[in-house]
C-alpha cells in the first residue's frame, strides 16, 4: 500500500469516490488509520461512517466522557443542540417574563455540542477533512 500527501487533485478524486454507493477510502493521520465507508442509515438513506483503526466508540465524541478521543474534533461531524426548544423558550419567557425566566432557568438559551461519526454528504466530510494538516491518502498499488 502506498501513501500520498493530499493535494487538490487527490481531494477531487476522493470527493468523487465518496459519492459512489459502495465506497471505502482510507487515510493516515499521525499513527491512526482513518477509514470512511458508506453505510445504510435507514431503508432509503446512507451515511458516510468514519472509523479510527477500523473501530469506533460512541463515547469518543463527548468531551466530558472518560473515553474521549481528541481525533474526533478533526474527523467527526459536530452537532449542536439547544437545552430547550425555541417554542418552549418562548412559552417560558411569555409566562414569566424575560428577567424572571433567566433567573429561574439559567441555561434557557444554552446549547451543548457533541460529535457523531456519520456524515450525510461527502462535501461536508471533505471540507472538514481538508482542515487536518498532514493527512495522507492510503492507496492500493495496482498489480502489473
Protein backbone atom coordinates (compact mmCIF):
# COMPACT_ATOMS: atom_id res chain seq x y z
CA UNK A 1 0.00 0.00 0.00
CA UNK A 2 1.22 3.48 -0.87
CA UNK A 3 0.58 6.73 0.97
CA UNK A 4 0.27 10.13 -0.69
CA UNK A 5 0.07 13.58 0.86
CA UNK A 6 -3.25 15.20 -0.04
CA UNK A 7 -3.30 17.61 -3.00
CA UNK A 8 -6.12 19.44 -4.73
CA UNK A 9 -6.36 16.77 -7.44
CA UNK A 10 -6.46 13.99 -4.81
CA UNK A 11 -9.24 15.80 -2.91
CA UNK A 12 -11.32 15.91 -6.11
CA UNK A 13 -10.67 12.20 -6.66
CA UNK A 14 -11.68 11.40 -3.05
CA UNK A 15 -14.85 13.52 -3.35
CA UNK A 16 -15.86 11.60 -6.49
CA UNK A 17 -15.14 8.26 -4.80
CA UNK A 18 -17.25 9.21 -1.75
CA UNK A 19 -20.27 9.94 -3.93
CA UNK A 20 -20.41 6.30 -5.06
CA UNK A 21 -22.83 3.87 -3.45
CA UNK A 22 -20.04 1.48 -2.44
CA UNK A 23 -17.02 3.42 -1.27
CA UNK A 24 -14.13 2.74 1.07
CA UNK A 25 -11.45 5.43 1.42
CA UNK A 26 -8.55 5.18 3.87
CA UNK A 27 -6.38 7.96 5.26
CA UNK A 28 -3.46 8.04 7.66
CA UNK A 29 -3.16 10.80 10.24
CA UNK A 30 -0.16 10.53 12.57
CA UNK A 31 -0.29 6.85 13.64
CA UNK A 32 -4.02 6.32 13.08
CA UNK A 33 -5.72 4.83 10.02
CA UNK A 34 -8.99 6.64 9.30
CA UNK A 35 -11.49 4.70 7.19
CA UNK A 36 -14.53 6.27 5.53
CA UNK A 37 -17.22 3.80 4.45
CA UNK A 38 -20.72 4.37 3.07
CA UNK A 39 -23.27 2.54 5.24
CA UNK A 40 -27.04 2.29 5.39
CA UNK A 41 -28.70 4.66 7.85
CA UNK A 42 -32.27 3.64 7.13
CA UNK A 43 -34.21 1.86 4.43
CA UNK A 44 -33.75 4.67 1.93
CA UNK A 45 -30.71 6.65 3.05
CA UNK A 46 -26.99 6.16 3.54
CA UNK A 47 -24.32 7.93 5.55
CA UNK A 48 -20.54 8.11 5.45
CA UNK A 49 -19.17 6.46 8.59
CA UNK A 50 -15.72 7.38 9.95
CA UNK A 51 -13.67 4.74 11.78
CA UNK A 52 -10.34 5.06 13.62
CA UNK A 53 -8.23 1.91 13.14
CA UNK A 54 -11.39 0.11 11.91
CA UNK A 55 -13.41 0.71 15.10
CA UNK A 56 -15.40 3.41 16.85
CA UNK A 57 -16.91 4.04 20.26
CA UNK A 58 -19.88 6.34 20.86
CA UNK A 59 -18.19 7.87 23.93
CA UNK A 60 -15.28 9.17 21.86
CA UNK A 61 -17.35 12.13 20.65
CA UNK A 62 -18.22 13.63 24.06
CA UNK A 63 -15.54 15.74 25.69
CA UNK A 64 -16.94 15.02 29.17
CA UNK A 65 -16.53 11.27 28.62
CA UNK A 66 -13.61 9.39 30.13
CA UNK A 67 -13.00 7.63 26.78
CA UNK A 68 -12.94 10.89 24.76
CA UNK A 69 -10.75 10.69 21.65
CA UNK A 70 -9.26 14.08 20.58
CA UNK A 71 -9.20 12.97 16.91
CA UNK A 72 -12.99 13.32 16.86
CA UNK A 73 -12.54 17.12 16.86
CA UNK A 74 -10.91 16.83 13.44
CA UNK A 75 -12.73 13.94 11.80
CA UNK A 76 -16.25 13.55 13.22
CA UNK A 77 -19.35 15.60 12.40
CA UNK A 78 -20.07 18.21 15.07
CA UNK A 79 -23.69 18.65 16.13
CA UNK A 80 -25.15 21.36 18.33
CA UNK A 81 -28.39 21.01 20.29
CA UNK A 82 -30.22 23.51 22.47
CA UNK A 83 -31.22 22.53 26.00
CA UNK A 84 -34.77 23.74 25.36
CA UNK A 85 -36.60 24.02 22.00
CA UNK A 86 -37.32 27.57 20.82
CA UNK A 87 -41.07 27.03 21.25
CA UNK A 88 -40.59 26.10 24.93
CA UNK A 89 -38.28 29.08 25.46
CA UNK A 90 -40.91 31.42 24.00
CA UNK A 91 -43.63 29.94 26.25
CA UNK A 92 -41.48 30.26 29.40
CA UNK A 93 -40.49 33.85 28.55
CA UNK A 94 -44.11 34.75 27.82
CA UNK A 95 -45.31 33.24 31.12
CA UNK A 96 -42.55 34.51 33.42
CA UNK A 97 -41.08 37.46 31.57
CA UNK A 98 -37.51 37.54 30.23
CA UNK A 99 -35.80 38.53 33.50
CA UNK A 100 -37.58 36.01 35.69
CA UNK A 101 -37.14 33.27 33.08
CA UNK A 102 -33.39 33.91 33.05
CA UNK A 103 -33.24 33.73 36.86
CA UNK A 104 -35.37 30.58 37.07
CA UNK A 105 -33.77 28.78 34.10
CA UNK A 106 -30.13 29.92 33.84
CA UNK A 107 -29.42 27.53 30.95
CA UNK A 108 -32.52 28.52 28.97
CA UNK A 109 -30.57 29.73 25.91
CA UNK A 110 -27.56 27.39 26.26
CA UNK A 111 -26.70 24.52 23.98
CA UNK A 112 -24.38 21.55 24.06
CA UNK A 113 -22.03 20.16 21.42
CA UNK A 114 -21.49 16.51 20.57
CA UNK A 115 -19.80 14.69 17.73
CA UNK A 116 -21.03 11.78 15.60
CA UNK A 117 -19.00 9.52 13.27
CA UNK A 118 -21.57 9.94 10.48
CA UNK A 119 -21.75 12.48 7.64
CA UNK A 120 -24.82 12.74 5.43
CA UNK A 121 -22.91 14.16 2.47
CA UNK A 122 -19.44 13.90 1.01
CA UNK A 123 -18.94 17.66 0.62
CA UNK A 124 -19.13 18.33 4.37
CA UNK A 125 -16.78 15.43 5.09
CA UNK A 126 -14.22 16.64 2.54
CA UNK A 127 -14.48 20.23 3.81
CA UNK A 128 -13.80 19.09 7.38
CA UNK A 129 -11.02 16.64 6.48
CA UNK A 130 -9.18 19.36 4.49
CA UNK A 131 -8.58 21.21 7.76
CA UNK A 132 -6.35 18.38 9.07
CA UNK A 133 -2.70 19.06 8.22
CA UNK A 134 -0.57 16.02 7.47
CA UNK A 135 -3.44 13.82 6.28
CA UNK A 136 -2.29 11.14 3.82
CA UNK A 137 -4.35 9.05 1.41
CA UNK A 138 -3.68 5.30 1.52
CA UNK A 139 -3.95 3.77 -1.94
CA UNK A 140 -3.67 0.18 -3.09
CA UNK A 141 -0.90 -0.28 -5.62
CA UNK A 142 -2.04 -1.91 -8.82
CA UNK A 143 -0.59 -5.33 -9.68
CA UNK A 144 1.15 -5.44 -13.05
